[in-house]
């Protein structure tokens, strides 16, 4: 049985747009009925001494467990040159793919937390997520995600112009 899942994708190193497009093409192979948000350019959060990110959210149906999806998304990150052993925590990266929601599942383990723990504080996730599904709720609290979004400050997020790029 397949489950509707939402993934947040970001890149701020090298060909940012190219890495996002690469992830979209690879995710087409593992998620059915894949849909994409628009792409946003965002200021870094947490670790501020790094380039701006390009961010988007995708949704699609996955046939497997959340841990199987985690393995597949990490394979995509690795194939795009991501190296967790040499990277700064929350620092620059070629590609970052986070499982934000996996149906209504709630998981908290050393490998995976769903809903993603940063969901409530990251406008760069909430805005494109709500673009795909404006009635989503946090499965942990049943709070409407748009209610979380309107409480957040700007955080330096702007629609990215992909025309001619």
C-alpha atoms as a PDB file:
ATOM      1  CA  UNK A   1       0.000   0.000   0.000  1.00  0.00           C
ATOM      2  CA  UNK A   2       1.352   3.423  -0.851  1.00  0.00           C
ATOM      3  CA  UNK A   3       1.394   6.460   1.402  1.00  0.00           C
ATOM      4  CA  UNK A   4       1.245  10.156   0.502  1.00  0.00           C
ATOM      5  CA  UNK A   5       4.517  11.729   1.554  1.00  0.00           C
ATOM      6  CA  UNK A   6       5.955  15.236   1.467  1.00  0.00           C
ATOM      7  CA  UNK A   7       9.662  15.923   1.040  1.00  0.00           C
ATOM      8  CA  UNK A   8      11.528  19.191   1.489  1.00  0.00           C
ATOM      9  CA  UNK A   9      14.455  19.702  -0.882  1.00  0.00           C
ATOM     10  CA  UNK A  10      17.220  22.258  -0.609  1.00  0.00           C
ATOM     11  CA  UNK A  11      20.555  23.151  -2.176  1.00  0.00           C
ATOM     12  CA  UNK A  12      23.026  25.978  -1.600  1.00  0.00           C
ATOM     13  CA  UNK A  13      26.255  24.664  -3.037  1.00  0.00           C
ATOM     14  CA  UNK A  14      27.280  24.518  -6.692  1.00  0.00           C
ATOM     15  CA  UNK A  15      24.526  24.456  -9.321  1.00  0.00           C
ATOM     16  CA  UNK A  16      21.614  24.862  -6.885  1.00  0.00           C
ATOM     17  CA  UNK A  17      18.894  24.745  -9.529  1.00  0.00           C
ATOM     18  CA  UNK A  18      20.601  21.851 -11.281  1.00  0.00           C
ATOM     19  CA  UNK A  19      20.687  19.847  -8.053  1.00  0.00           C
ATOM     20  CA  UNK A  20      16.982  20.496  -7.429  1.00  0.00           C
ATOM     21  CA  UNK A  21      16.114  19.405 -10.966  1.00  0.00           C
ATOM     22  CA  UNK A  22      18.308  16.321 -10.516  1.00  0.00           C
ATOM     23  CA  UNK A  23      16.447  15.405  -7.329  1.00  0.00           C
ATOM     24  CA  UNK A  24      13.078  15.869  -9.072  1.00  0.00           C
ATOM     25  CA  UNK A  25      14.119  13.469 -11.846  1.00  0.00           C
ATOM     26  CA  UNK A  26      15.389  10.871  -9.389  1.00  0.00           C
ATOM     27  CA  UNK A  27      12.306  11.188  -7.154  1.00  0.00           C
ATOM     28  CA  UNK A  28      10.069  10.550 -10.186  1.00  0.00           C
ATOM     29  CA  UNK A  29      11.459   7.012 -10.115  1.00  0.00           C
ATOM     30  CA  UNK A  30      10.385   6.285  -6.539  1.00  0.00           C
ATOM     31  CA  UNK A  31       7.256   8.402  -5.937  1.00  0.00           C
ATOM     32  CA  UNK A  32       4.013   8.006  -7.876  1.00  0.00           C
ATOM     33  CA  UNK A  33       1.949  11.066  -8.879  1.00  0.00           C
ATOM     34  CA  UNK A  34       4.854  13.383  -8.074  1.00  0.00           C
ATOM     35  CA  UNK A  35       3.946  17.069  -7.724  1.00  0.00           C
ATOM     36  CA  UNK A  36       6.266  20.022  -7.145  1.00  0.00           C
ATOM     37  CA  UNK A  37       5.913  23.347  -5.411  1.00  0.00           C
ATOM     38  CA  UNK A  38       7.454  26.441  -6.888  1.00  0.00           C
ATOM     39  CA  UNK A  39      11.100  27.064  -6.036  1.00  0.00           C
ATOM     40  CA  UNK A  40      12.027  29.590  -3.363  1.00  0.00           C
ATOM     41  CA  UNK A  41      15.320  31.279  -2.606  1.00  0.00           C
ATOM     42  CA  UNK A  42      15.893  31.530   1.113  1.00  0.00           C
ATOM     43  CA  UNK A  43      18.368  32.951   3.546  1.00  0.00           C
ATOM     44  CA  UNK A  44      20.188  30.341   5.623  1.00  0.00           C
ATOM     45  CA  UNK A  45      18.754  29.507   9.039  1.00  0.00           C
ATOM     46  CA  UNK A  46      20.718  28.252  12.071  1.00  0.00           C
ATOM     47  CA  UNK A  47      24.215  28.332  10.493  1.00  0.00           C
ATOM     48  CA  UNK A  48      24.216  31.788   8.878  1.00  0.00           C
ATOM     49  CA  UNK A  49      27.706  31.944   7.298  1.00  0.00           C
ATOM     50  CA  UNK A  50      26.767  30.203   4.059  1.00  0.00           C
ATOM     51  CA  UNK A  51      25.153  30.963   0.667  1.00  0.00           C
ATOM     52  CA  UNK A  52      21.398  31.277   0.122  1.00  0.00           C
ATOM     53  CA  UNK A  53      19.402  28.117  -0.494  1.00  0.00           C
ATOM     54  CA  UNK A  54      16.999  27.125  -3.208  1.00  0.00           C
ATOM     55  CA  UNK A  55      14.131  25.187  -1.620  1.00  0.00           C
ATOM     56  CA  UNK A  56      11.051  23.334  -2.816  1.00  0.00           C
ATOM     57  CA  UNK A  57       8.641  20.683  -1.590  1.00  0.00           C
ATOM     58  CA  UNK A  58       7.460  17.640  -3.512  1.00  0.00           C
ATOM     59  CA  UNK A  59       4.666  15.228  -2.774  1.00  0.00           C
ATOM     60  CA  UNK A  60       3.964  11.761  -4.052  1.00  0.00           C
ATOM     61  CA  UNK A  61       2.938   8.271  -3.089  1.00  0.00           C
ATOM     62  CA  UNK A  62       5.592   5.901  -1.783  1.00  0.00           C
ATOM     63  CA  UNK A  63       5.191   2.136  -1.584  1.00  0.00           C
ATOM     64  CA  UNK A  64       7.372   1.146   1.329  1.00  0.00           C
ATOM     65  CA  UNK A  65       8.322   2.147   4.832  1.00  0.00           C
ATOM     66  CA  UNK A  66       9.550   5.580   5.925  1.00  0.00           C
ATOM     67  CA  UNK A  67      12.971   4.019   6.558  1.00  0.00           C
ATOM     68  CA  UNK A  68      13.099   2.676   2.995  1.00  0.00           C
ATOM     69  CA  UNK A  69      12.257   6.173   1.734  1.00  0.00           C
ATOM     70  CA  UNK A  70      14.997   7.626   3.950  1.00  0.00           C
ATOM     71  CA  UNK A  71      17.529   5.234   2.399  1.00  0.00           C
ATOM     72  CA  UNK A  72      16.436   6.176  -1.115  1.00  0.00           C
ATOM     73  CA  UNK A  73      16.578   9.924  -0.448  1.00  0.00           C
ATOM     74  CA  UNK A  74      20.037   9.588   1.098  1.00  0.00           C
ATOM     75  CA  UNK A  75      21.187   7.643  -1.980  1.00  0.00           C
ATOM     76  CA  UNK A  76      20.003  10.578  -4.132  1.00  0.00           C
ATOM     77  CA  UNK A  77      21.825  13.070  -1.877  1.00  0.00           C
ATOM     78  CA  UNK A  78      25.016  10.996  -2.012  1.00  0.00           C
ATOM     79  CA  UNK A  79      24.842  10.656  -5.804  1.00  0.00           C
ATOM     80  CA  UNK A  80      24.656  14.478  -5.967  1.00  0.00           C
ATOM     81  CA  UNK A  81      27.922  14.759  -4.061  1.00  0.00           C
ATOM     82  CA  UNK A  82      26.652  15.181  -0.519  1.00  0.00           C
ATOM     83  CA  UNK A  83      29.183  13.996   2.031  1.00  0.00           C
ATOM     84  CA  UNK A  84      27.862  13.959   5.585  1.00  0.00           C
ATOM     85  CA  UNK A  85      31.228  13.000   7.083  1.00  0.00           C
ATOM     86  CA  UNK A  86      32.957  16.221   5.963  1.00  0.00           C
ATOM     87  CA  UNK A  87      30.067  18.677   6.070  1.00  0.00           C
ATOM     88  CA  UNK A  88      29.296  21.198   8.801  1.00  0.00           C
ATOM     89  CA  UNK A  89      26.048  20.450  10.628  1.00  0.00           C
ATOM     90  CA  UNK A  90      23.323  22.477   8.885  1.00  0.00           C
ATOM     91  CA  UNK A  91      26.032  23.984   6.697  1.00  0.00           C
ATOM     92  CA  UNK A  92      26.388  24.226   2.913  1.00  0.00           C
ATOM     93  CA  UNK A  93      25.324  21.194   0.904  1.00  0.00           C
ATOM     94  CA  UNK A  94      24.752  20.187  -2.669  1.00  0.00           C
ATOM     95  CA  UNK A  95      21.454  18.518  -1.866  1.00  0.00           C
ATOM     96  CA  UNK A  96      19.328  17.984   1.213  1.00  0.00           C
ATOM     97  CA  UNK A  97      16.124  15.931   1.106  1.00  0.00           C
ATOM     98  CA  UNK A  98      14.042  15.721   4.282  1.00  0.00           C
ATOM     99  CA  UNK A  99      10.948  13.604   4.855  1.00  0.00           C
ATOM    100  CA  UNK A 100       8.527  16.172   6.249  1.00  0.00           C
ATOM    101  CA  UNK A 101       5.326  14.116   6.410  1.00  0.00           C
ATOM    102  CA  UNK A 102       4.598  10.464   5.695  1.00  0.00           C
ATOM    103  CA  UNK A 103       0.815  10.151   5.748  1.00  0.00           C
ATOM    104  CA  UNK A 104      -0.242  10.613   9.372  1.00  0.00           C
ATOM    105  CA  UNK A 105       2.645   8.549  10.727  1.00  0.00           C
ATOM    106  CA  UNK A 106       4.550   9.747  13.749  1.00  0.00           C
ATOM    107  CA  UNK A 107       8.055   8.379  14.251  1.00  0.00           C
ATOM    108  CA  UNK A 108      10.753   9.374  16.693  1.00  0.00           C
ATOM    109  CA  UNK A 109      13.948   7.349  16.454  1.00  0.00           C
ATOM    110  CA  UNK A 110      17.675   7.994  16.259  1.00  0.00           C
ATOM    111  CA  UNK A 111      17.464   7.720  12.448  1.00  0.00           C
ATOM    112  CA  UNK A 112      14.217   9.474  11.635  1.00  0.00           C
ATOM    113  CA  UNK A 113      11.656  11.839  13.125  1.00  0.00           C
ATOM    114  CA  UNK A 114       8.291  12.375  11.394  1.00  0.00           C
ATOM    115  CA  UNK A 115       6.791  14.929  11.248  1.00  0.00           C
ATOM    116  CA  UNK A 116      10.148  16.572  10.620  1.00  0.00           C
ATOM    117  CA  UNK A 117      11.196  18.354  13.842  1.00  0.00           C
ATOM    118  CA  UNK A 118      11.905  21.638  12.010  1.00  0.00           C
ATOM    119  CA  UNK A 119       8.521  21.763  10.288  1.00  0.00           C
ATOM    120  CA  UNK A 120       6.909  24.230  12.696  1.00  0.00           C
ATOM    121  CA  UNK A 121       9.731  26.773  12.572  1.00  0.00           C
ATOM    122  CA  UNK A 122      10.762  26.707   8.914  1.00  0.00           C
ATOM    123  CA  UNK A 123       8.901  29.029   6.605  1.00  0.00           C
ATOM    124  CA  UNK A 124      10.946  27.638   3.685  1.00  0.00           C
ATOM    125  CA  UNK A 125       9.209  24.304   4.297  1.00  0.00           C
ATOM    126  CA  UNK A 126       5.738  25.464   5.337  1.00  0.00           C
ATOM    127  CA  UNK A 127       5.160  27.883   2.457  1.00  0.00           C
ATOM    128  CA  UNK A 128       5.831  25.424  -0.418  1.00  0.00           C
ATOM    129  CA  UNK A 129       4.186  22.605   1.545  1.00  0.00           C
ATOM    130  CA  UNK A 130       0.963  24.588   1.856  1.00  0.00           C
ATOM    131  CA  UNK A 131       1.221  25.508  -1.810  1.00  0.00           C
ATOM    132  CA  UNK A 132       0.799  21.792  -2.560  1.00  0.00           C
ATOM    133  CA  UNK A 133      -1.878  21.151   0.070  1.00  0.00           C
ATOM    134  CA  UNK A 134      -3.362  24.175   1.904  1.00  0.00           C
ATOM    135  CA  UNK A 135      -5.375  22.083   4.383  1.00  0.00           C
ATOM    136  CA  UNK A 136      -2.519  20.033   5.841  1.00  0.00           C
ATOM    137  CA  UNK A 137      -2.304  19.592   9.598  1.00  0.00           C
ATOM    138  CA  UNK A 138       0.503  18.591  11.904  1.00  0.00           C
ATOM    139  CA  UNK A 139      -0.337  14.949  12.741  1.00  0.00           C
ATOM    140  CA  UNK A 140       1.268  15.329  16.179  1.00  0.00           C
ATOM    141  CA  UNK A 141      -0.861  18.284  17.317  1.00  0.00           C
ATOM    142  CA  UNK A 142      -3.667  18.456  14.716  1.00  0.00           C
ATOM    143  CA  UNK A 143      -2.749  22.150  14.228  1.00  0.00           C
ATOM    144  CA  UNK A 144      -3.410  23.541  10.763  1.00  0.00           C
ATOM    145  CA  UNK A 145      -0.053  24.252   9.152  1.00  0.00           C
ATOM    146  CA  UNK A 146      -1.174  27.640   7.836  1.00  0.00           C
ATOM    147  CA  UNK A 147      -1.714  28.685  11.470  1.00  0.00           C
ATOM    148  CA  UNK A 148       1.945  27.903  12.133  1.00  0.00           C
ATOM    149  CA  UNK A 149       3.044  29.726   8.981  1.00  0.00           C
ATOM    150  CA  UNK A 150       1.368  33.039   9.809  1.00  0.00           C
ATOM    151  CA  UNK A 151       3.119  33.168  13.197  1.00  0.00           C
ATOM    152  CA  UNK A 152       6.581  33.109  11.611  1.00  0.00           C
ATOM    153  CA  UNK A 153       8.608  36.139  10.602  1.00  0.00           C
ATOM    154  CA  UNK A 154       9.736  36.591   6.982  1.00  0.00           C
ATOM    155  CA  UNK A 155      12.936  34.504   7.316  1.00  0.00           C
ATOM    156  CA  UNK A 156      14.189  35.814   3.954  1.00  0.00           C
ATOM    157  CA  UNK A 157      12.136  33.625   1.633  1.00  0.00           C
ATOM    158  CA  UNK A 158      11.382  34.783  -1.910  1.00  0.00           C
ATOM    159  CA  UNK A 159       9.945  33.151  -5.007  1.00  0.00           C
ATOM    160  CA  UNK A 160      12.828  32.176  -7.283  1.00  0.00           C
ATOM    161  CA  UNK A 161      12.669  33.202 -10.932  1.00  0.00           C
ATOM    162  CA  UNK A 162      13.614  30.116 -12.974  1.00  0.00           C
ATOM    163  CA  UNK A 163      12.845  31.683 -16.378  1.00  0.00           C
ATOM    164  CA  UNK A 164      15.869  31.657 -18.612  1.00  0.00           C
ATOM    165  CA  UNK A 165      17.894  29.514 -16.202  1.00  0.00           C
END
